[in-house]
């Protein structure tokens, strides 16, 4: 899937599902993409470069994308990063229960700062 070319971005924006159906993606990968569930995309093998192109196609910046992956608004995410980032406590390994653990990340709801609504 290529969103590098303007004509591909226009085609994607016109009918996202039809565009995704042209590629060898599982239904779960397509659904994660349609929902902009970035955490799920990573779990299903997506890479950050593709996700960045997707976000930029949606006219979102990286802070908005990363914030959506953590359940924060863009401003909250920026303040956290300026303040030194997330604590490593509880987040060094899966299963530690920290705030960055996958089970604590809201995704795929079509809500929140990525979509411009809460």
N, C-alpha and C. Protein backbone atom coordinates (compact mmCIF):
# COMPACT_ATOMS: atom_id res chain seq x y z
N UNK A 1 0.84 -1.17 0.00
CA UNK A 1 0.00 0.00 0.00
C UNK A 1 0.88 1.23 0.00
N UNK A 2 0.66 2.13 -0.92
CA UNK A 2 1.51 3.30 -1.03
C UNK A 2 0.69 4.58 -0.96
N UNK A 3 1.02 5.39 0.02
CA UNK A 3 0.38 6.70 0.14
C UNK A 3 1.38 7.82 -0.14
N UNK A 4 2.48 7.47 -0.80
CA UNK A 4 3.49 8.47 -1.12
C UNK A 4 3.03 9.39 -2.24
N UNK A 5 2.24 8.85 -3.17
CA UNK A 5 1.83 9.63 -4.34
C UNK A 5 0.48 10.30 -4.08
N UNK A 6 0.36 11.53 -4.53
CA UNK A 6 -0.86 12.31 -4.32
C UNK A 6 -2.09 11.59 -4.88
N UNK A 7 -1.95 10.96 -6.05
CA UNK A 7 -3.11 10.28 -6.64
C UNK A 7 -3.55 9.08 -5.79
N UNK A 8 -2.61 8.41 -5.14
CA UNK A 8 -2.97 7.30 -4.24
C UNK A 8 -3.68 7.81 -2.99
N UNK A 9 -3.19 8.93 -2.44
CA UNK A 9 -3.85 9.51 -1.27
C UNK A 9 -5.27 9.93 -1.62
N UNK A 10 -5.45 10.52 -2.79
CA UNK A 10 -6.79 10.94 -3.22
C UNK A 10 -7.70 9.73 -3.39
N UNK A 11 -7.19 8.67 -3.98
CA UNK A 11 -7.99 7.45 -4.15
C UNK A 11 -8.36 6.85 -2.80
N UNK A 12 -7.41 6.82 -1.88
CA UNK A 12 -7.65 6.29 -0.54
C UNK A 12 -8.73 7.10 0.17
N UNK A 13 -8.60 8.42 0.12
CA UNK A 13 -9.56 9.29 0.80
C UNK A 13 -10.96 9.19 0.19
N UNK A 14 -11.04 8.92 -1.10
CA UNK A 14 -12.33 8.81 -1.77
C UNK A 14 -13.10 7.56 -1.35
N UNK A 15 -12.38 6.45 -1.12
CA UNK A 15 -13.02 5.20 -0.71
C UNK A 15 -11.97 4.32 -0.05
N UNK A 16 -11.80 4.51 1.25
CA UNK A 16 -10.75 3.81 1.98
C UNK A 16 -10.87 2.29 1.85
N UNK A 17 -12.07 1.77 2.02
CA UNK A 17 -12.24 0.32 1.98
C UNK A 17 -11.87 -0.24 0.61
N UNK A 18 -12.33 0.37 -0.44
CA UNK A 18 -12.00 -0.11 -1.79
C UNK A 18 -10.50 -0.06 -2.03
N UNK A 19 -9.85 0.97 -1.55
CA UNK A 19 -8.40 1.09 -1.71
C UNK A 19 -7.70 -0.05 -0.96
N UNK A 20 -8.10 -0.30 0.27
CA UNK A 20 -7.46 -1.37 1.06
C UNK A 20 -7.72 -2.74 0.45
N UNK A 21 -8.87 -2.93 -0.16
CA UNK A 21 -9.20 -4.23 -0.76
C UNK A 21 -8.29 -4.59 -1.92
N UNK A 22 -7.56 -3.64 -2.46
CA UNK A 22 -6.63 -3.92 -3.54
C UNK A 22 -5.35 -4.60 -3.05
N UNK A 23 -5.14 -4.63 -1.73
CA UNK A 23 -3.88 -5.12 -1.18
C UNK A 23 -4.07 -6.40 -0.38
N UNK A 24 -3.00 -7.17 -0.29
CA UNK A 24 -3.02 -8.44 0.44
C UNK A 24 -2.94 -8.17 1.94
N UNK A 25 -4.07 -7.78 2.48
CA UNK A 25 -4.19 -7.49 3.91
C UNK A 25 -5.28 -8.38 4.47
N UNK A 26 -5.14 -8.78 5.72
CA UNK A 26 -6.21 -9.52 6.37
C UNK A 26 -7.35 -8.56 6.69
N UNK A 27 -8.52 -9.12 6.95
CA UNK A 27 -9.65 -8.29 7.33
C UNK A 27 -9.34 -7.52 8.62
N UNK A 28 -8.65 -8.18 9.54
CA UNK A 28 -8.29 -7.53 10.80
C UNK A 28 -7.35 -6.34 10.56
N UNK A 29 -6.40 -6.49 9.65
CA UNK A 29 -5.51 -5.38 9.31
C UNK A 29 -6.29 -4.23 8.68
N UNK A 30 -7.22 -4.57 7.82
CA UNK A 30 -8.04 -3.52 7.18
C UNK A 30 -8.87 -2.79 8.22
N UNK A 31 -9.49 -3.53 9.13
CA UNK A 31 -10.31 -2.90 10.16
C UNK A 31 -9.48 -1.99 11.06
N UNK A 32 -8.30 -2.44 11.44
CA UNK A 32 -7.42 -1.60 12.27
C UNK A 32 -7.06 -0.31 11.53
N UNK A 33 -6.82 -0.42 10.24
CA UNK A 33 -6.47 0.75 9.43
C UNK A 33 -7.67 1.69 9.33
N UNK A 34 -8.83 1.15 9.05
CA UNK A 34 -10.04 1.98 8.93
C UNK A 34 -10.37 2.69 10.23
N UNK A 35 -10.12 2.03 11.35
CA UNK A 35 -10.39 2.62 12.67
C UNK A 35 -9.26 3.51 13.17
N UNK A 36 -8.14 3.50 12.46
CA UNK A 36 -6.92 4.21 12.87
C UNK A 36 -6.48 3.73 14.25
N UNK A 37 -6.56 2.43 14.43
CA UNK A 37 -6.13 1.77 15.67
C UNK A 37 -4.64 1.47 15.51
N UNK A 38 -3.81 2.47 15.76
CA UNK A 38 -2.37 2.35 15.52
C UNK A 38 -1.72 1.26 16.36
N UNK A 39 -2.15 1.10 17.59
CA UNK A 39 -1.58 0.03 18.42
C UNK A 39 -1.89 -1.33 17.82
N UNK A 40 -3.11 -1.52 17.35
CA UNK A 40 -3.47 -2.81 16.74
C UNK A 40 -2.72 -3.00 15.43
N UNK A 41 -2.54 -1.94 14.66
CA UNK A 41 -1.77 -2.05 13.42
C UNK A 41 -0.38 -2.59 13.71
N UNK A 42 0.25 -2.08 14.75
CA UNK A 42 1.59 -2.56 15.11
C UNK A 42 1.52 -4.04 15.49
N UNK A 43 0.54 -4.42 16.29
CA UNK A 43 0.40 -5.83 16.70
C UNK A 43 0.22 -6.74 15.50
N UNK A 44 -0.41 -6.23 14.45
CA UNK A 44 -0.69 -7.04 13.26
C UNK A 44 0.41 -6.94 12.20
N UNK A 45 1.52 -6.30 12.54
CA UNK A 45 2.66 -6.25 11.62
C UNK A 45 2.86 -4.95 10.89
N UNK A 46 2.06 -3.94 11.17
CA UNK A 46 2.24 -2.65 10.52
C UNK A 46 3.53 -1.98 10.97
N UNK A 47 4.04 -1.08 10.15
CA UNK A 47 5.25 -0.37 10.56
C UNK A 47 4.97 1.12 10.70
N UNK A 48 5.81 1.76 11.47
CA UNK A 48 5.61 3.16 11.83
C UNK A 48 5.67 4.07 10.60
N UNK A 49 6.43 3.70 9.57
CA UNK A 49 6.53 4.54 8.38
C UNK A 49 5.21 4.57 7.62
N UNK A 50 4.55 3.41 7.50
CA UNK A 50 3.24 3.38 6.87
C UNK A 50 2.25 4.18 7.71
N UNK A 51 2.28 3.96 9.01
CA UNK A 51 1.32 4.65 9.88
C UNK A 51 1.52 6.15 9.83
N UNK A 52 2.76 6.60 9.71
CA UNK A 52 3.02 8.04 9.59
C UNK A 52 2.39 8.58 8.30
N UNK A 53 2.52 7.85 7.19
CA UNK A 53 1.92 8.28 5.92
C UNK A 53 0.40 8.33 6.05
N UNK A 54 -0.15 7.34 6.74
CA UNK A 54 -1.60 7.33 6.96
C UNK A 54 -2.03 8.55 7.77
N UNK A 55 -1.32 8.82 8.84
CA UNK A 55 -1.64 9.99 9.66
C UNK A 55 -1.51 11.28 8.88
N UNK A 56 -0.47 11.40 8.09
CA UNK A 56 -0.28 12.62 7.31
C UNK A 56 -1.34 12.74 6.22
N UNK A 57 -1.80 11.60 5.68
CA UNK A 57 -2.91 11.62 4.73
C UNK A 57 -4.16 12.17 5.40
N UNK A 58 -4.32 11.86 6.68
CA UNK A 58 -5.45 12.38 7.46
C UNK A 58 -5.20 13.80 7.97
N UNK A 59 -4.07 14.38 7.59
CA UNK A 59 -3.67 15.73 8.02
C UNK A 59 -3.50 15.82 9.53
N UNK A 60 -2.88 14.78 10.10
CA UNK A 60 -2.56 14.73 11.52
C UNK A 60 -1.04 14.76 11.67
N UNK A 61 -0.56 15.33 12.76
CA UNK A 61 0.88 15.31 13.00
C UNK A 61 1.23 14.13 13.90
N UNK A 62 2.52 13.90 14.07
CA UNK A 62 2.95 12.74 14.83
C UNK A 62 2.51 12.82 16.29
N UNK A 63 2.49 14.00 16.87
CA UNK A 63 2.04 14.13 18.26
C UNK A 63 0.58 13.72 18.41
N UNK A 64 -0.25 14.06 17.45
CA UNK A 64 -1.65 13.64 17.50
C UNK A 64 -1.75 12.11 17.39
N UNK A 65 -0.96 11.53 16.49
CA UNK A 65 -0.98 10.08 16.32
C UNK A 65 -0.50 9.38 17.59
N UNK A 66 0.63 9.81 18.12
CA UNK A 66 1.18 9.19 19.32
C UNK A 66 0.25 9.40 20.51
N UNK A 67 -0.32 10.57 20.61
CA UNK A 67 -1.27 10.82 21.69
C UNK A 67 -2.44 9.87 21.63
N UNK A 68 -2.95 9.60 20.41
CA UNK A 68 -4.08 8.67 20.28
C UNK A 68 -3.70 7.26 20.71
N UNK A 69 -2.43 6.92 20.58
CA UNK A 69 -1.96 5.58 20.98
C UNK A 69 -1.84 5.46 22.49
N UNK A 70 -1.82 6.58 23.18
CA UNK A 70 -1.64 6.57 24.63
C UNK A 70 -2.87 7.04 25.39
N UNK A 71 -3.91 7.45 24.65
CA UNK A 71 -5.12 7.95 25.29
C UNK A 71 -5.01 9.39 25.73
N UNK A 72 -4.03 10.11 25.20
CA UNK A 72 -3.82 11.50 25.57
C UNK A 72 -4.20 12.42 24.41
N UNK A 73 -4.49 13.66 24.74
CA UNK A 73 -4.65 14.66 23.70
C UNK A 73 -3.26 15.03 23.18
N UNK A 74 -3.24 15.74 22.09
CA UNK A 74 -1.97 16.21 21.55
C UNK A 74 -1.21 17.04 22.59
N UNK A 75 -1.91 17.97 23.25
CA UNK A 75 -1.26 18.82 24.25
C UNK A 75 -0.76 18.02 25.44
N UNK A 76 -1.55 17.05 25.90
CA UNK A 76 -1.11 16.20 27.01
C UNK A 76 0.13 15.40 26.63
N UNK A 77 0.13 14.86 25.42
CA UNK A 77 1.28 14.08 24.96
C UNK A 77 2.53 14.97 24.88
N UNK A 78 2.36 16.15 24.30
CA UNK A 78 3.49 17.08 24.18
C UNK A 78 4.03 17.45 25.56
N UNK A 79 3.15 17.77 26.50
CA UNK A 79 3.58 18.13 27.85
C UNK A 79 4.32 16.96 28.52
N UNK A 80 3.82 15.74 28.32
CA UNK A 80 4.48 14.58 28.89
C UNK A 80 5.90 14.44 28.33
N UNK A 81 6.04 14.58 27.03
CA UNK A 81 7.35 14.42 26.40
C UNK A 81 8.30 15.55 26.82
N UNK A 82 7.81 16.77 26.86
CA UNK A 82 8.63 17.90 27.30
C UNK A 82 9.06 17.70 28.75
N UNK A 83 8.19 17.07 29.55
CA UNK A 83 8.48 16.80 30.95
C UNK A 83 9.35 15.58 31.19
N UNK A 84 9.86 14.97 30.14
CA UNK A 84 10.76 13.83 30.31
C UNK A 84 10.20 12.50 29.87
N UNK A 85 8.98 12.46 29.37
CA UNK A 85 8.41 11.21 28.87
C UNK A 85 7.74 10.40 29.96
N UNK A 86 7.31 9.21 29.57
CA UNK A 86 6.64 8.31 30.51
C UNK A 86 7.63 7.72 31.49
N UNK A 87 7.13 7.42 32.65
CA UNK A 87 7.94 6.71 33.63
C UNK A 87 8.17 5.29 33.14
N UNK A 88 9.35 4.77 33.38
CA UNK A 88 9.65 3.38 33.04
C UNK A 88 9.03 2.43 34.06
N UNK A 89 8.64 2.94 35.22
CA UNK A 89 8.06 2.09 36.26
C UNK A 89 6.78 1.45 35.76
N UNK A 90 6.74 0.13 35.79
CA UNK A 90 5.58 -0.62 35.34
C UNK A 90 5.50 -0.78 33.84
N UNK A 91 6.49 -0.27 33.11
CA UNK A 91 6.45 -0.30 31.65
C UNK A 91 7.69 -0.91 31.01
N UNK A 92 8.52 -1.57 31.79
CA UNK A 92 9.73 -2.17 31.23
C UNK A 92 9.45 -3.44 30.45
N UNK A 93 8.46 -4.20 30.91
CA UNK A 93 8.10 -5.46 30.27
C UNK A 93 6.58 -5.59 30.24
N UNK A 94 6.09 -6.38 29.28
CA UNK A 94 4.66 -6.65 29.22
C UNK A 94 4.21 -7.31 30.52
N UNK A 95 3.04 -6.94 30.98
CA UNK A 95 2.47 -7.55 32.16
C UNK A 95 2.78 -6.85 33.46
N UNK A 96 3.49 -5.74 33.41
CA UNK A 96 3.84 -5.04 34.65
C UNK A 96 2.74 -4.10 35.14
N UNK A 97 1.73 -3.86 34.31
CA UNK A 97 0.58 -3.06 34.75
C UNK A 97 0.75 -1.55 34.66
N UNK A 98 1.81 -1.07 34.02
CA UNK A 98 2.02 0.37 33.91
C UNK A 98 1.06 1.04 32.95
N UNK A 99 1.08 2.36 32.95
CA UNK A 99 0.14 3.11 32.12
C UNK A 99 0.40 2.98 30.63
N UNK A 100 1.57 2.50 30.24
CA UNK A 100 1.88 2.32 28.82
C UNK A 100 1.63 0.89 28.35
N UNK A 101 1.12 0.04 29.20
CA UNK A 101 0.85 -1.34 28.82
C UNK A 101 -0.31 -1.40 27.84
N UNK A 102 -0.27 -2.36 26.89
CA UNK A 102 -1.32 -2.43 25.85
C UNK A 102 -2.75 -2.43 26.40
N UNK A 103 -2.98 -3.11 27.49
CA UNK A 103 -4.35 -3.19 28.02
C UNK A 103 -4.84 -1.85 28.55
N UNK A 104 -3.96 -0.89 28.70
CA UNK A 104 -4.34 0.43 29.21
C UNK A 104 -4.40 1.49 28.12
N UNK A 105 -4.39 1.05 26.84
CA UNK A 105 -4.38 1.99 25.73
C UNK A 105 -5.70 1.97 24.98
N UNK A 106 -6.44 3.08 24.99
CA UNK A 106 -7.71 3.14 24.25
C UNK A 106 -7.41 3.28 22.76
N UNK A 107 -8.02 2.44 21.96
CA UNK A 107 -7.80 2.52 20.52
C UNK A 107 -9.03 2.05 19.77
N UNK A 108 -9.13 2.51 18.54
CA UNK A 108 -10.13 2.00 17.63
C UNK A 108 -11.56 2.43 17.88
N UNK A 109 -11.78 3.35 18.79
CA UNK A 109 -13.15 3.74 19.11
C UNK A 109 -13.69 4.82 18.18
N UNK A 110 -12.81 5.40 17.37
CA UNK A 110 -13.25 6.52 16.55
C UNK A 110 -13.45 7.78 17.37
N UNK A 111 -12.95 7.80 18.56
CA UNK A 111 -13.06 8.94 19.46
C UNK A 111 -11.66 9.45 19.79
N UNK A 112 -11.60 10.50 20.55
CA UNK A 112 -10.33 10.99 21.05
C UNK A 112 -9.67 12.02 20.17
N UNK A 113 -8.48 12.40 20.55
CA UNK A 113 -7.82 13.54 19.94
C UNK A 113 -7.44 13.32 18.49
N UNK A 114 -7.17 12.08 18.08
CA UNK A 114 -6.81 11.85 16.68
C UNK A 114 -7.94 12.28 15.76
N UNK A 115 -9.15 11.97 16.15
CA UNK A 115 -10.31 12.26 15.33
C UNK A 115 -10.87 13.66 15.55
N UNK A 116 -10.29 14.39 16.50
CA UNK A 116 -10.74 15.75 16.75
C UNK A 116 -12.03 15.82 17.55
N UNK A 117 -12.36 14.71 18.21
CA UNK A 117 -13.53 14.71 19.08
C UNK A 117 -13.27 13.78 20.25
N UNK A 118 -13.94 14.04 21.36
CA UNK A 118 -13.73 13.20 22.54
C UNK A 118 -14.98 12.45 22.90
